[in-house]
Amino acid sequence: MSSLKIALVQTQAHEDRKENLKKAILNVEKASALGANIICLPELFLTRYFCQSEDTTCFDLAEPIPGPATNRFCGEAKKRGVFIVCPLFEKRASGVYHNSLVLIDPAGEISGIYRKMHIPDDPGYFEKFYFAPGDTGFSCFETGFAKIGTLICWDQWYPEAARIASLKGADIIFYPTAIGWHTNEDEHSKKTQLEAWKTVQRAHAISNGIYVAAVNRVGFEESGENSGGIDFWGNSFVCDPQGAVISEASGNREEIILADVDLRKLEETRRNWPFLRDRRIDAYSELRQRFIDNDSGT
């Protein structure tokens, strides 16, 4: 199949987990009715973004894979005949938790699991407290419509992750995300961060000749520690292999955005911009180093 339709569900999380699940199920139904073949939900959409503080009781929010949420979405995928990219807080074992996602196929089966590889630890994003680093590698899954790479939020800043997913055959990379501004940031800083976020992902599309789809949450969420909170900036978008944005959401509303993906565009773009062809794979061994301290320049 040379073309397909994807849907990104930009949503706001509330305190009530059951309501978040109910809303997500309804949005999957709506996206399916609009003709989507693959539907992607935001990072950790079932709960508020609990990583703003370190609280051991939040581990109670995690669930196994398969588990109650995946069972619900497996039923919905089968009922609607769609693929669903479903991010979750995974309880892998006692004391071992991951920021994960599952790919659910139209047969209602889990056809892939990805665990977030890059884990941030910044003010308001204390993810290293909660999540072990992923061990799935940078995955690429076959859907029958397209091959898709699935990465999560902080992964989106790393060109290596996008490159490996692309080399494994990804036509589209999905980035479920939870990113926003702290309450004390000025307007210039906010604009700069948002543009950087868009630019780096558009660059992944260009340098690899693929589609990129990033889906964020919206709304303000207090930190719970009297230290402000995060205003999630939305702006979910899809861009084509030349980095052109073909569908984009607002910065402050819940909405479903759709994008038509034409896989013939990948071949056309890569013929004219053959970045993968011209890679010097014999010269990249230094990328395996944390930092090159004593480069002689020769």
Protein backbone atom coordinates (compact mmCIF):
# COMPACT_ATOMS: atom_id res chain seq x y z
CA MET A 1 0.00 0.00 0.00
CA SER A 2 1.47 3.35 -1.04
CA SER A 3 -0.71 5.60 1.12
CA LEU A 4 -2.33 5.59 4.54
CA LYS A 5 -3.88 7.95 7.06
CA ILE A 6 -2.48 8.50 10.54
CA ALA A 7 -4.09 10.23 13.52
CA LEU A 8 -2.48 11.94 16.50
CA VAL A 9 -4.62 12.38 19.61
CA GLN A 10 -3.64 15.55 21.47
CA THR A 11 -5.28 15.49 24.87
CA GLN A 12 -5.23 16.86 28.41
CA ALA A 13 -4.77 14.49 31.33
CA HIS A 14 -6.93 14.79 34.44
CA GLU A 15 -6.69 13.40 37.96
CA ASP A 16 -9.22 10.63 37.29
CA ARG A 17 -7.46 7.76 35.52
CA LYS A 18 -10.78 6.18 34.53
CA GLU A 19 -11.85 9.38 32.82
CA ASN A 20 -8.56 9.57 30.94
CA LEU A 21 -9.03 6.00 29.74
CA LYS A 22 -12.63 6.67 28.75
CA LYS A 23 -11.65 9.77 26.80
CA ALA A 24 -8.82 7.95 25.04
CA ILE A 25 -11.16 5.15 23.96
CA LEU A 26 -13.61 7.74 22.61
CA ASN A 27 -10.82 9.48 20.70
CA VAL A 28 -9.72 6.18 19.15
CA GLU A 29 -13.31 5.70 18.01
CA LYS A 30 -13.41 9.20 16.52
CA ALA A 31 -10.07 8.83 14.75
CA SER A 32 -11.14 5.49 13.33
CA ALA A 33 -14.38 7.01 12.05
CA LEU A 34 -12.29 9.68 10.29
CA GLY A 35 -10.46 6.96 8.39
CA ALA A 36 -7.22 6.63 10.35
CA ASN A 37 -5.21 3.44 9.86
CA ILE A 38 -2.72 4.12 12.68
CA ILE A 39 -3.67 6.09 15.80
CA CYS A 40 -1.09 7.40 18.26
CA LEU A 41 -1.78 8.57 21.83
CA PRO A 42 0.52 10.85 23.91
CA GLU A 43 3.15 9.71 26.39
CA LEU A 44 1.74 8.53 29.76
CA PHE A 45 -1.73 9.70 28.73
CA LEU A 46 -3.56 7.68 31.39
CA THR A 47 -2.34 9.90 34.24
CA ARG A 48 -1.18 13.38 35.03
CA TYR A 49 2.55 13.81 34.50
CA PHE A 50 3.61 12.47 37.91
CA CYS A 51 7.36 12.83 37.19
CA GLN A 52 7.29 16.46 38.36
CA SER A 53 8.15 15.12 41.82
CA GLU A 54 9.69 12.02 43.37
CA ASP A 55 6.98 10.04 45.13
CA THR A 56 7.14 6.28 45.67
CA THR A 57 3.34 6.01 45.80
CA CYS A 58 3.28 6.87 42.08
CA PHE A 59 4.68 3.41 41.31
CA ASP A 60 1.14 2.20 42.07
CA LEU A 61 0.11 3.81 38.77
CA ALA A 62 2.14 1.29 36.75
CA GLU A 63 0.69 -1.86 35.24
CA PRO A 64 2.06 -4.92 33.46
CA ILE A 65 2.03 -5.60 29.74
CA PRO A 66 -0.36 -7.16 28.94
CA GLY A 67 -2.62 -5.63 31.56
CA PRO A 68 -5.95 -3.85 32.06
CA ALA A 69 -5.24 -0.90 29.75
CA THR A 70 -3.71 -2.95 26.95
CA ASN A 71 -6.63 -5.36 27.15
CA ARG A 72 -9.06 -2.47 26.64
CA PHE A 73 -7.15 -1.08 23.68
CA CYS A 74 -6.69 -4.51 22.14
CA GLY A 75 -10.47 -4.79 22.12
CA GLU A 76 -10.82 -1.36 20.55
CA ALA A 77 -8.19 -2.04 17.88
CA LYS A 78 -9.96 -5.25 16.88
CA LYS A 79 -13.37 -3.58 16.91
CA ARG A 80 -12.18 -0.63 14.79
CA GLY A 81 -9.72 -2.49 12.58
CA VAL A 82 -6.87 -0.08 13.35
CA PHE A 83 -3.34 0.00 14.73
CA ILE A 84 -2.95 1.84 18.04
CA VAL A 85 0.31 3.20 19.45
CA CYS A 86 -0.45 3.07 23.17
CA PRO A 87 2.11 4.52 25.66
CA LEU A 88 2.06 3.15 29.22
CA PHE A 89 3.79 3.25 32.60
CA GLU A 90 4.94 -0.36 32.64
CA LYS A 91 5.51 -2.50 35.72
CA ARG A 92 7.91 -5.11 34.41
CA ALA A 93 8.70 -6.63 37.83
CA SER A 94 8.81 -5.54 41.45
CA GLY A 95 11.09 -2.49 41.48
CA VAL A 96 11.56 -2.48 37.70
CA TYR A 97 9.47 0.06 35.80
CA HIS A 98 9.65 1.50 32.30
CA ASN A 99 8.21 4.34 30.26
CA SER A 100 6.89 2.14 27.46
CA LEU A 101 4.49 1.80 24.59
CA VAL A 102 2.80 -1.07 22.84
CA LEU A 103 1.77 -1.36 19.22
CA ILE A 104 -1.61 -3.05 18.99
CA ASP A 105 -2.71 -4.48 15.65
CA PRO A 106 -6.18 -4.76 14.05
CA ALA A 107 -6.43 -8.37 15.22
CA GLY A 108 -6.40 -7.07 18.78
CA GLU A 109 -2.91 -8.40 19.51
CA ILE A 110 0.18 -6.70 20.91
CA SER A 111 2.58 -6.80 17.98
CA GLY A 112 5.40 -4.76 19.50
CA ILE A 113 6.77 -3.23 22.71
CA TYR A 114 9.16 -0.30 22.95
CA ARG A 115 10.75 0.97 26.17
CA LYS A 116 12.02 4.55 26.27
CA MET A 117 15.80 4.49 25.82
CA HIS A 118 16.81 8.04 26.84
CA ILE A 119 15.61 8.95 30.34
CA PRO A 120 15.78 12.63 31.40
CA ASP A 121 16.49 13.97 34.86
CA ASP A 122 15.75 17.69 34.95
CA PRO A 123 13.73 20.01 37.21
CA GLY A 124 10.13 18.91 36.84
CA TYR A 125 11.12 15.85 34.78
CA PHE A 126 12.47 13.41 37.37
CA GLU A 127 12.11 10.38 35.15
CA LYS A 128 15.25 8.57 36.31
CA PHE A 129 13.55 8.12 39.68
CA TYR A 130 10.73 6.17 38.03
CA PHE A 131 12.00 4.52 34.85
CA ALA A 132 14.76 2.08 34.08
CA PRO A 133 16.39 2.73 30.69
CA GLY A 134 14.82 0.77 27.87
CA ASP A 135 16.39 -2.44 26.59
CA THR A 136 14.38 -3.02 23.42
CA GLY A 137 16.73 -1.10 21.16
CA PHE A 138 15.35 1.32 18.59
CA SER A 139 12.53 -0.71 17.15
CA CYS A 140 10.84 -0.78 13.79
CA PHE A 141 7.50 -2.55 13.35
CA GLU A 142 5.66 -3.77 10.26
CA THR A 143 2.00 -2.76 10.09
CA GLY A 144 1.07 -3.81 6.58
CA PHE A 145 0.52 -0.14 5.77
CA ALA A 146 4.02 1.05 6.56
CA LYS A 147 7.01 0.24 8.72
CA ILE A 148 6.97 2.45 11.79
CA GLY A 149 9.56 3.44 14.34
CA THR A 150 8.28 4.23 17.84
CA LEU A 151 10.33 6.49 20.10
CA ILE A 152 9.24 8.42 23.20
CA CYS A 153 9.70 12.11 24.11
CA TRP A 154 13.32 12.62 25.24
CA ASP A 155 14.34 10.18 22.50
CA GLN A 156 13.23 12.81 19.99
CA TRP A 157 16.30 14.97 20.62
CA TYR A 158 18.76 12.25 19.57
CA PRO A 159 19.64 11.90 15.88
CA GLU A 160 21.16 8.48 16.56
CA ALA A 161 17.78 7.07 17.59
CA ALA A 162 16.01 8.36 14.50
CA ARG A 163 18.84 7.16 12.28
CA ILE A 164 18.81 3.61 13.63
CA ALA A 165 15.03 3.35 13.34
CA SER A 166 15.33 4.59 9.76
CA LEU A 167 18.12 2.14 8.93
CA LYS A 168 15.84 -0.63 10.20
CA GLY A 169 13.33 0.44 7.56
CA ALA A 170 11.00 2.91 9.29
CA ASP A 171 8.81 4.93 6.94
CA ILE A 172 7.31 6.92 9.83
CA ILE A 173 8.62 7.65 13.30
CA PHE A 174 6.03 8.29 16.00
CA TYR A 175 7.08 10.33 19.03
CA PRO A 176 4.51 10.20 21.87
CA THR A 177 5.46 13.15 24.07
CA ALA A 178 4.82 15.05 27.30
CA ILE A 179 6.67 18.36 27.07
CA GLY A 180 5.92 21.91 28.10
CA TRP A 181 7.08 25.05 29.86
CA HIS A 182 7.67 25.70 33.54
CA THR A 183 5.57 28.49 35.00
CA ASN A 184 8.52 30.84 35.59
CA GLU A 185 9.71 30.97 31.96
CA ASP A 186 9.42 34.14 29.91
CA GLU A 187 7.81 34.38 26.48
CA HIS A 188 11.11 34.47 24.57
CA SER A 189 12.32 31.31 26.28
CA LYS A 190 9.02 29.59 25.58
CA LYS A 191 9.14 30.43 21.89
CA THR A 192 12.77 29.33 21.61
CA GLN A 193 12.08 25.95 23.21
CA LEU A 194 9.03 25.24 21.11
CA GLU A 195 10.83 26.10 17.88
CA ALA A 196 13.80 23.93 18.87
CA TRP A 197 11.45 21.02 19.56
CA LYS A 198 9.83 21.34 16.15
CA THR A 199 13.11 21.93 14.34
CA VAL A 200 14.97 18.91 15.68
CA GLN A 201 12.18 16.55 14.70
CA ARG A 202 11.77 18.08 11.26
CA ALA A 203 15.53 17.62 10.87
CA HIS A 204 15.16 13.90 11.64
CA ALA A 205 12.61 13.68 8.83
CA ILE A 206 14.90 15.47 6.39
CA SER A 207 18.14 13.68 7.21
CA ASN A 208 16.51 10.27 7.01
CA GLY A 209 13.93 10.87 4.28
CA ILE A 210 10.97 9.76 6.41
CA TYR A 211 7.73 11.03 7.92
CA VAL A 212 7.78 12.15 11.55
CA ALA A 213 4.70 12.33 13.79
CA ALA A 214 4.96 13.92 17.26
CA VAL A 215 1.97 13.91 19.61
CA ASN A 216 1.98 15.97 22.81
CA ARG A 217 -0.47 16.65 25.63
CA VAL A 218 -1.95 20.06 26.48
CA GLY A 219 -2.99 21.89 29.60
CA PHE A 220 -1.46 23.06 32.87
CA GLU A 221 -0.56 20.49 35.52
CA GLU A 222 0.53 21.56 38.99
CA SER A 223 3.62 19.95 40.45
CA GLY A 224 2.05 19.12 43.82
CA GLU A 225 5.02 20.63 45.67
CA ASN A 226 4.05 24.32 45.64
CA SER A 227 6.68 24.94 43.00
CA GLY A 228 4.52 25.76 40.02
CA GLY A 229 3.99 23.15 37.37
CA ILE A 230 4.18 22.51 33.65
CA ASP A 231 2.11 24.08 30.91
CA PHE A 232 2.14 21.40 28.19
CA TRP A 233 2.42 23.13 24.86
CA GLY A 234 0.56 20.81 22.48
CA ASN A 235 1.53 21.66 18.89
CA SER A 236 1.39 18.01 17.81
CA PHE A 237 2.41 17.74 14.17
CA VAL A 238 3.27 15.53 11.22
CA CYS A 239 5.96 16.43 8.73
CA ASP A 240 6.95 14.83 5.44
CA PRO A 241 10.40 13.57 4.30
CA GLN A 242 11.41 17.10 3.33
CA GLY A 243 10.49 18.45 6.75
CA ALA A 244 7.35 20.26 5.57
CA VAL A 245 4.63 20.28 8.23
CA ILE A 246 1.52 18.74 6.69
CA SER A 247 -0.71 18.70 9.76
CA GLU A 248 -0.44 20.58 13.05
CA ALA A 249 -2.50 21.02 16.21
CA SER A 250 -2.97 24.12 18.33
CA GLY A 251 -1.03 24.84 21.48
CA ASN A 252 -3.94 24.84 23.89
CA ARG A 253 -6.79 22.58 22.73
CA GLU A 254 -7.59 18.90 22.79
CA GLU A 255 -7.91 17.71 19.21
CA ILE A 256 -7.30 14.92 16.76
CA ILE A 257 -5.13 15.75 13.77
CA LEU A 258 -4.99 13.62 10.64
CA ALA A 259 -2.33 13.31 7.98
CA ASP A 260 -2.21 11.45 4.68
CA VAL A 261 1.08 9.63 4.29
CA ASP A 262 2.24 8.89 0.75
CA LEU A 263 5.05 6.34 0.88
CA ARG A 264 6.02 7.15 -2.71
CA LYS A 265 7.31 10.45 -1.34
CA LEU A 266 10.06 8.58 0.52
CA GLU A 267 11.45 7.10 -2.68
CA GLU A 268 11.17 10.41 -4.52
CA THR A 269 12.89 12.32 -1.73
CA ARG A 270 15.70 9.83 -1.22
CA ARG A 271 16.49 9.77 -4.93
CA ASN A 272 17.09 13.51 -4.86
CA TRP A 273 18.58 13.73 -1.36
CA PRO A 274 20.50 10.43 -1.03
CA PHE A 275 21.79 11.02 2.48
CA LEU A 276 21.68 7.32 3.36
CA ARG A 277 23.66 6.42 0.24
CA ASP A 278 26.47 8.86 1.02
CA ARG A 279 26.98 7.97 4.67
CA ARG A 280 30.61 7.26 5.57
CA ILE A 281 29.98 4.24 7.74
CA ASP A 282 33.74 3.57 7.82
CA ALA A 283 34.35 6.88 9.62
CA TYR A 284 31.78 6.94 12.41
CA SER A 285 33.35 4.74 15.11
CA GLU A 286 33.93 7.80 17.34
CA LEU A 287 30.17 8.12 17.84
CA ARG A 288 30.43 5.29 20.35
CA GLN A 289 32.43 7.54 22.71
CA ARG A 290 30.79 9.69 25.37
CA PHE A 291 33.03 12.62 24.44
CA ILE A 292 36.25 12.89 22.42
CA ASP A 293 38.68 14.42 24.94
CA ASN A 294 41.97 14.18 23.05
CA ASP A 295 41.22 14.62 19.38
CA SER A 296 44.48 15.22 17.53
CA GLY A 297 42.62 16.51 14.49
CA THR A 298 44.28 13.98 12.22
